[in-house]
Amino acid sequence: MKPSSPPVAGDPPRRSFIKESAALLVTLILGLVPGVAGLWVWLDPIRRRKSSSGVPFLRVGTIDSLPADGVPRRFSVLADQTDAWTRTPRTSIGAVYLRRTADGSPNGQLSALNVVCPHAGCFVDYQNSRQGYLCPCHNSMFALNGRVNAPSSPSPRGLDELPVEVRGREIWVQFQNFHTGRHDKVPLS
């Protein structure tokens, strides 16, 4: 008879299974934490876009920059832009015509009109000689208050009026663009 071989040094199979299982569990937990954090950061722009509600007011100028005679002045609208992960401060997102009114409008004696023609999206110009706005693309004519001024005008509606607030000496406008070529005023998303 052969003598039996001595036992091999090492852990019994049950102990090695417990050690390997514990090591795997710790590895999964340590890998899960950065994975969840990375997923959270990756989804942040989507979550932020869905949670923003309403259109903010943006500062466009001061009361002192508007003449008292009611002649409109064009102002660029600047805002911080965020496109997914890229942030661009103070970018031009459009323009408005501001003017003082004497008709006691609900906007506190101020009027703000988007410079985009509702017909095809061209920028309108104020013409002092005509006391109104002219779209150079298709000759749409608008009165000082933004209404269509000529029956032959191809524009389906007047210029889009925007809410305006005066905060101290600053003028704030709730700026947004609208779909062109439509009779109804539908905001662009």
C-alpha atoms as a PDB file:
ATOM      1  CA  MET A   1       0.000   0.000   0.000  1.00  0.00           C
ATOM      2  CA  LYS A   2       1.000   3.387  -0.729  1.00  0.00           C
ATOM      3  CA  PRO A   3       0.975   5.888   2.000  1.00  0.00           C
ATOM      4  CA  SER A   4      -1.577   8.705   1.473  1.00  0.00           C
ATOM      5  CA  SER A   5      -0.227  11.992   0.294  1.00  0.00           C
ATOM      6  CA  PRO A   6      -0.110  14.800   2.793  1.00  0.00           C
ATOM      7  CA  PRO A   7      -2.861  17.464   2.491  1.00  0.00           C
ATOM      8  CA  VAL A   8      -2.018  20.454   0.285  1.00  0.00           C
ATOM      9  CA  ALA A   9      -1.661  23.700   2.162  1.00  0.00           C
ATOM     10  CA  GLY A  10      -4.439  26.216   1.501  1.00  0.00           C
ATOM     11  CA  ASP A  11      -7.907  27.210   2.475  1.00  0.00           C
ATOM     12  CA  PRO A  12     -10.800  24.826   2.317  1.00  0.00           C
ATOM     13  CA  PRO A  13     -13.019  25.470  -0.743  1.00  0.00           C
ATOM     14  CA  ARG A  14     -15.771  27.064   1.364  1.00  0.00           C
ATOM     15  CA  ARG A  15     -13.472  29.772   2.755  1.00  0.00           C
ATOM     16  CA  SER A  16     -12.066  30.673  -0.642  1.00  0.00           C
ATOM     17  CA  PHE A  17     -15.633  31.007  -2.018  1.00  0.00           C
ATOM     18  CA  ILE A  18     -16.570  33.434   0.774  1.00  0.00           C
ATOM     19  CA  LYS A  19     -13.398  35.493   0.223  1.00  0.00           C
ATOM     20  CA  GLU A  20     -13.929  35.651  -3.543  1.00  0.00           C
ATOM     21  CA  SER A  21     -17.607  36.564  -3.125  1.00  0.00           C
ATOM     22  CA  ALA A  22     -16.770  39.339  -0.663  1.00  0.00           C
ATOM     23  CA  ALA A  23     -14.064  40.705  -2.981  1.00  0.00           C
ATOM     24  CA  LEU A  24     -16.517  40.685  -5.907  1.00  0.00           C
ATOM     25  CA  LEU A  25     -19.185  42.480  -3.830  1.00  0.00           C
ATOM     26  CA  VAL A  26     -16.723  45.183  -2.710  1.00  0.00           C
ATOM     27  CA  THR A  27     -15.548  45.636  -6.322  1.00  0.00           C
ATOM     28  CA  LEU A  28     -19.136  46.008  -7.552  1.00  0.00           C
ATOM     29  CA  ILE A  29     -19.973  48.564  -4.856  1.00  0.00           C
ATOM     30  CA  LEU A  30     -16.829  50.571  -5.536  1.00  0.00           C
ATOM     31  CA  GLY A  31     -17.534  50.506  -9.282  1.00  0.00           C
ATOM     32  CA  LEU A  32     -21.219  51.345  -8.857  1.00  0.00           C
ATOM     33  CA  VAL A  33     -20.635  54.640  -7.038  1.00  0.00           C
ATOM     34  CA  PRO A  34     -18.644  56.329  -9.854  1.00  0.00           C
ATOM     35  CA  GLY A  35     -20.910  54.701 -12.450  1.00  0.00           C
ATOM     36  CA  VAL A  36     -24.050  56.216 -10.908  1.00  0.00           C
ATOM     37  CA  ALA A  37     -22.303  59.590 -10.477  1.00  0.00           C
ATOM     38  CA  GLY A  38     -21.191  59.530 -14.121  1.00  0.00           C
ATOM     39  CA  LEU A  39     -24.683  58.651 -15.306  1.00  0.00           C
ATOM     40  CA  TRP A  40     -26.109  61.510 -13.198  1.00  0.00           C
ATOM     41  CA  VAL A  41     -23.704  64.019 -14.774  1.00  0.00           C
ATOM     42  CA  TRP A  42     -24.337  62.650 -18.260  1.00  0.00           C
ATOM     43  CA  LEU A  43     -28.115  63.015 -17.848  1.00  0.00           C
ATOM     44  CA  ASP A  44     -27.879  66.440 -16.165  1.00  0.00           C
ATOM     45  CA  PRO A  45     -28.550  68.547 -19.317  1.00  0.00           C
ATOM     46  CA  ILE A  46     -31.632  66.464 -20.088  1.00  0.00           C
ATOM     47  CA  ARG A  47     -32.912  66.790 -16.524  1.00  0.00           C
ATOM     48  CA  ARG A  48     -32.156  70.524 -16.463  1.00  0.00           C
ATOM     49  CA  ARG A  49     -33.942  71.133 -19.772  1.00  0.00           C
ATOM     50  CA  LYS A  50     -37.090  69.380 -18.578  1.00  0.00           C
ATOM     51  CA  SER A  51     -37.171  71.129 -15.216  1.00  0.00           C
ATOM     52  CA  SER A  52     -36.921  74.689 -16.523  1.00  0.00           C
ATOM     53  CA  SER A  53     -40.341  76.222 -16.723  1.00  0.00           C
ATOM     54  CA  GLY A  54     -41.461  79.536 -18.119  1.00  0.00           C
ATOM     55  CA  VAL A  55     -39.593  82.153 -20.058  1.00  0.00           C
ATOM     56  CA  PRO A  56     -37.280  84.341 -17.982  1.00  0.00           C
ATOM     57  CA  PHE A  57     -37.105  88.122 -18.159  1.00  0.00           C
ATOM     58  CA  LEU A  58     -33.806  89.417 -19.570  1.00  0.00           C
ATOM     59  CA  ARG A  59     -32.259  92.849 -19.066  1.00  0.00           C
ATOM     60  CA  VAL A  60     -32.065  94.718 -22.378  1.00  0.00           C
ATOM     61  CA  GLY A  61     -31.430  98.359 -21.499  1.00  0.00           C
ATOM     62  CA  THR A  62     -32.274 101.328 -19.325  1.00  0.00           C
ATOM     63  CA  ILE A  63     -35.069 103.881 -19.320  1.00  0.00           C
ATOM     64  CA  ASP A  64     -32.490 106.595 -19.974  1.00  0.00           C
ATOM     65  CA  SER A  65     -31.584 105.014 -23.338  1.00  0.00           C
ATOM     66  CA  LEU A  66     -35.129 105.508 -24.712  1.00  0.00           C
ATOM     67  CA  PRO A  67     -36.171 108.867 -26.138  1.00  0.00           C
ATOM     68  CA  ALA A  68     -39.266 110.435 -24.589  1.00  0.00           C
ATOM     69  CA  ASP A  69     -40.810 111.176 -28.024  1.00  0.00           C
ATOM     70  CA  GLY A  70     -41.864 107.526 -28.604  1.00  0.00           C
ATOM     71  CA  VAL A  71     -39.368 106.735 -31.350  1.00  0.00           C
ATOM     72  CA  PRO A  72     -38.413 103.053 -31.089  1.00  0.00           C
ATOM     73  CA  ARG A  73     -34.855 101.939 -30.436  1.00  0.00           C
ATOM     74  CA  ARG A  74     -33.466  98.540 -31.294  1.00  0.00           C
ATOM     75  CA  PHE A  75     -31.767  96.556 -28.506  1.00  0.00           C
ATOM     76  CA  SER A  76     -29.920  93.265 -28.692  1.00  0.00           C
ATOM     77  CA  VAL A  77     -31.105  90.606 -26.275  1.00  0.00           C
ATOM     78  CA  LEU A  78     -28.190  88.873 -24.578  1.00  0.00           C
ATOM     79  CA  ALA A  79     -28.405  85.712 -22.503  1.00  0.00           C
ATOM     80  CA  ASP A  80     -26.195  82.931 -21.244  1.00  0.00           C
ATOM     81  CA  GLN A  81     -26.608  79.994 -23.613  1.00  0.00           C
ATOM     82  CA  THR A  82     -26.342  76.371 -22.524  1.00  0.00           C
ATOM     83  CA  ASP A  83     -26.204  73.714 -25.209  1.00  0.00           C
ATOM     84  CA  ALA A  84     -25.897  70.328 -23.497  1.00  0.00           C
ATOM     85  CA  TRP A  85     -22.514  70.700 -21.773  1.00  0.00           C
ATOM     86  CA  THR A  86     -21.333  73.924 -23.405  1.00  0.00           C
ATOM     87  CA  ARG A  87     -22.021  77.240 -21.657  1.00  0.00           C
ATOM     88  CA  THR A  88     -21.586  80.489 -23.563  1.00  0.00           C
ATOM     89  CA  PRO A  89     -22.037  83.707 -21.553  1.00  0.00           C
ATOM     90  CA  ARG A  90     -23.733  86.832 -22.930  1.00  0.00           C
ATOM     91  CA  THR A  91     -24.678  85.566 -26.400  1.00  0.00           C
ATOM     92  CA  SER A  92     -27.043  87.466 -28.688  1.00  0.00           C
ATOM     93  CA  ILE A  93     -30.291  85.489 -28.931  1.00  0.00           C
ATOM     94  CA  GLY A  94     -32.321  88.120 -30.767  1.00  0.00           C
ATOM     95  CA  ALA A  95     -33.377  91.745 -30.690  1.00  0.00           C
ATOM     96  CA  VAL A  96     -36.354  93.905 -29.733  1.00  0.00           C
ATOM     97  CA  TYR A  97     -37.664  97.352 -30.514  1.00  0.00           C
ATOM     98  CA  LEU A  98     -38.450  99.289 -27.334  1.00  0.00           C
ATOM     99  CA  ARG A  99     -40.379 102.533 -27.214  1.00  0.00           C
ATOM    100  CA  ARG A 100     -42.130 104.727 -24.711  1.00  0.00           C
ATOM    101  CA  THR A 101     -45.875 104.862 -25.207  1.00  0.00           C
ATOM    102  CA  ALA A 102     -48.364 107.482 -24.100  1.00  0.00           C
ATOM    103  CA  ASP A 103     -51.447 105.276 -24.229  1.00  0.00           C
ATOM    104  CA  GLY A 104     -51.133 103.892 -20.698  1.00  0.00           C
ATOM    105  CA  SER A 105     -50.466 100.344 -21.888  1.00  0.00           C
ATOM    106  CA  PRO A 106     -50.367  97.558 -19.288  1.00  0.00           C
ATOM    107  CA  ASN A 107     -46.614  97.276 -19.832  1.00  0.00           C
ATOM    108  CA  GLY A 108     -46.016 100.409 -17.785  1.00  0.00           C
ATOM    109  CA  GLN A 109     -45.817 102.957 -20.613  1.00  0.00           C
ATOM    110  CA  LEU A 110     -43.333 100.805 -22.563  1.00  0.00           C
ATOM    111  CA  SER A 111     -43.753  98.613 -25.611  1.00  0.00           C
ATOM    112  CA  ALA A 112     -41.451  95.775 -26.674  1.00  0.00           C
ATOM    113  CA  LEU A 113     -41.726  94.194 -30.125  1.00  0.00           C
ATOM    114  CA  ASN A 114     -39.730  91.274 -31.477  1.00  0.00           C
ATOM    115  CA  VAL A 115     -37.768  92.390 -34.567  1.00  0.00           C
ATOM    116  CA  VAL A 116     -38.584  89.186 -36.481  1.00  0.00           C
ATOM    117  CA  CYS A 117     -41.252  89.522 -39.172  1.00  0.00           C
ATOM    118  CA  PRO A 118     -44.028  86.947 -38.633  1.00  0.00           C
ATOM    119  CA  HIS A 119     -44.199  86.295 -42.387  1.00  0.00           C
ATOM    120  CA  ALA A 120     -40.833  84.715 -43.197  1.00  0.00           C
ATOM    121  CA  GLY A 121     -38.532  85.530 -40.273  1.00  0.00           C
ATOM    122  CA  CYS A 122     -36.625  88.500 -41.678  1.00  0.00           C
ATOM    123  CA  PHE A 123     -35.584  91.334 -39.361  1.00  0.00           C
ATOM    124  CA  VAL A 124     -37.759  94.425 -39.712  1.00  0.00           C
ATOM    125  CA  ASP A 125     -36.361  97.951 -39.812  1.00  0.00           C
ATOM    126  CA  TYR A 126     -37.925 101.023 -38.255  1.00  0.00           C
ATOM    127  CA  GLN A 127     -38.410 103.808 -40.779  1.00  0.00           C
ATOM    128  CA  ASN A 128     -38.922 107.193 -39.201  1.00  0.00           C
ATOM    129  CA  SER A 129     -40.228 108.688 -42.462  1.00  0.00           C
ATOM    130  CA  ARG A 130     -43.104 106.169 -42.498  1.00  0.00           C
ATOM    131  CA  GLN A 131     -43.592 106.106 -38.724  1.00  0.00           C
ATOM    132  CA  GLY A 132     -43.558 102.315 -38.835  1.00  0.00           C
ATOM    133  CA  TYR A 133     -41.642  99.138 -39.477  1.00  0.00           C
ATOM    134  CA  LEU A 134     -40.797  97.654 -42.871  1.00  0.00           C
ATOM    135  CA  CYS A 135     -39.745  94.103 -43.621  1.00  0.00           C
ATOM    136  CA  PRO A 136     -37.181  94.310 -46.434  1.00  0.00           C
ATOM    137  CA  CYS A 137     -37.824  90.740 -47.624  1.00  0.00           C
ATOM    138  CA  HIS A 138     -41.450  90.997 -48.803  1.00  0.00           C
ATOM    139  CA  ASN A 139     -42.441  94.599 -47.977  1.00  0.00           C
ATOM    140  CA  SER A 140     -44.654  93.853 -44.989  1.00  0.00           C
ATOM    141  CA  MET A 141     -45.586  97.138 -43.324  1.00  0.00           C
ATOM    142  CA  PHE A 142     -46.300  97.523 -39.603  1.00  0.00           C
ATOM    143  CA  ALA A 143     -47.555 100.497 -37.589  1.00  0.00           C
ATOM    144  CA  LEU A 144     -45.724 101.839 -34.536  1.00  0.00           C
ATOM    145  CA  ASN A 145     -47.789  99.553 -32.292  1.00  0.00           C
ATOM    146  CA  GLY A 146     -46.776  96.507 -34.389  1.00  0.00           C
ATOM    147  CA  ARG A 147     -50.078  95.923 -36.190  1.00  0.00           C
ATOM    148  CA  VAL A 148     -50.138  95.199 -39.927  1.00  0.00           C
ATOM    149  CA  ASN A 149     -50.319  98.600 -41.595  1.00  0.00           C
ATOM    150  CA  ALA A 150     -51.141  97.758 -45.230  1.00  0.00           C
ATOM    151  CA  PRO A 151     -53.822  95.424 -46.609  1.00  0.00           C
ATOM    152  CA  SER A 152     -51.361  94.156 -49.221  1.00  0.00           C
ATOM    153  CA  SER A 153     -48.901  93.051 -46.533  1.00  0.00           C
ATOM    154  CA  PRO A 154     -48.066  89.336 -46.771  1.00  0.00           C
ATOM    155  CA  SER A 155     -47.525  89.042 -43.014  1.00  0.00           C
ATOM    156  CA  PRO A 156     -50.184  86.829 -41.402  1.00  0.00           C
ATOM    157  CA  ARG A 157     -50.152  88.832 -38.139  1.00  0.00           C
ATOM    158  CA  GLY A 158     -48.618  91.908 -36.564  1.00  0.00           C
ATOM    159  CA  LEU A 159     -45.212  92.030 -34.916  1.00  0.00           C
ATOM    160  CA  ASP A 160     -45.031  89.917 -31.771  1.00  0.00           C
ATOM    161  CA  GLU A 161     -45.369  92.021 -28.628  1.00  0.00           C
ATOM    162  CA  LEU A 162     -43.384  90.863 -25.625  1.00  0.00           C
ATOM    163  CA  PRO A 163     -44.008  91.411 -21.903  1.00  0.00           C
ATOM    164  CA  VAL A 164     -41.802  94.159 -20.479  1.00  0.00           C
ATOM    165  CA  GLU A 165     -41.013  95.242 -16.917  1.00  0.00           C
ATOM    166  CA  VAL A 166     -39.205  98.217 -15.449  1.00  0.00           C
ATOM    167  CA  ARG A 167     -37.022  97.377 -12.450  1.00  0.00           C
ATOM    168  CA  GLY A 168     -35.546 100.547 -11.059  1.00  0.00           C
ATOM    169  CA  ARG A 169     -34.105 102.228 -14.167  1.00  0.00           C
ATOM    170  CA  GLU A 170     -33.576  98.925 -16.045  1.00  0.00           C
ATOM    171  CA  ILE A 171     -35.833  97.476 -18.746  1.00  0.00           C
ATOM    172  CA  TRP A 172     -36.426  93.709 -18.655  1.00  0.00           C
ATOM    173  CA  VAL A 173     -38.143  91.820 -21.483  1.00  0.00           C
ATOM    174  CA  GLN A 174     -39.574  88.312 -21.480  1.00  0.00           C
ATOM    175  CA  PHE A 175     -37.960  87.436 -24.794  1.00  0.00           C
ATOM    176  CA  GLN A 176     -38.977  84.559 -27.005  1.00  0.00           C
ATOM    177  CA  ASN A 177     -39.356  83.814 -30.696  1.00  0.00           C
ATOM    178  CA  PHE A 178     -42.514  82.584 -32.406  1.00  0.00           C
ATOM    179  CA  HIS A 179     -43.320  80.445 -35.436  1.00  0.00           C
ATOM    180  CA  THR A 180     -43.434  82.389 -38.676  1.00  0.00           C
ATOM    181  CA  GLY A 181     -46.012  82.070 -41.453  1.00  0.00           C
ATOM    182  CA  ARG A 182     -48.918  81.453 -39.048  1.00  0.00           C
ATOM    183  CA  HIS A 183     -51.885  83.603 -38.065  1.00  0.00           C
ATOM    184  CA  ASP A 184     -51.674  82.483 -34.436  1.00  0.00           C
ATOM    185  CA  LYS A 185     -48.777  83.367 -32.149  1.00  0.00           C
ATOM    186  CA  VAL A 186     -47.138  80.015 -31.263  1.00  0.00           C
ATOM    187  CA  PRO A 187     -43.848  80.104 -29.298  1.00  0.00           C
ATOM    188  CA  LEU A 188     -40.830  78.226 -30.590  1.00  0.00           C
ATOM    189  CA  SER A 189     -39.682  75.634 -28.099  1.00  0.00           C
END
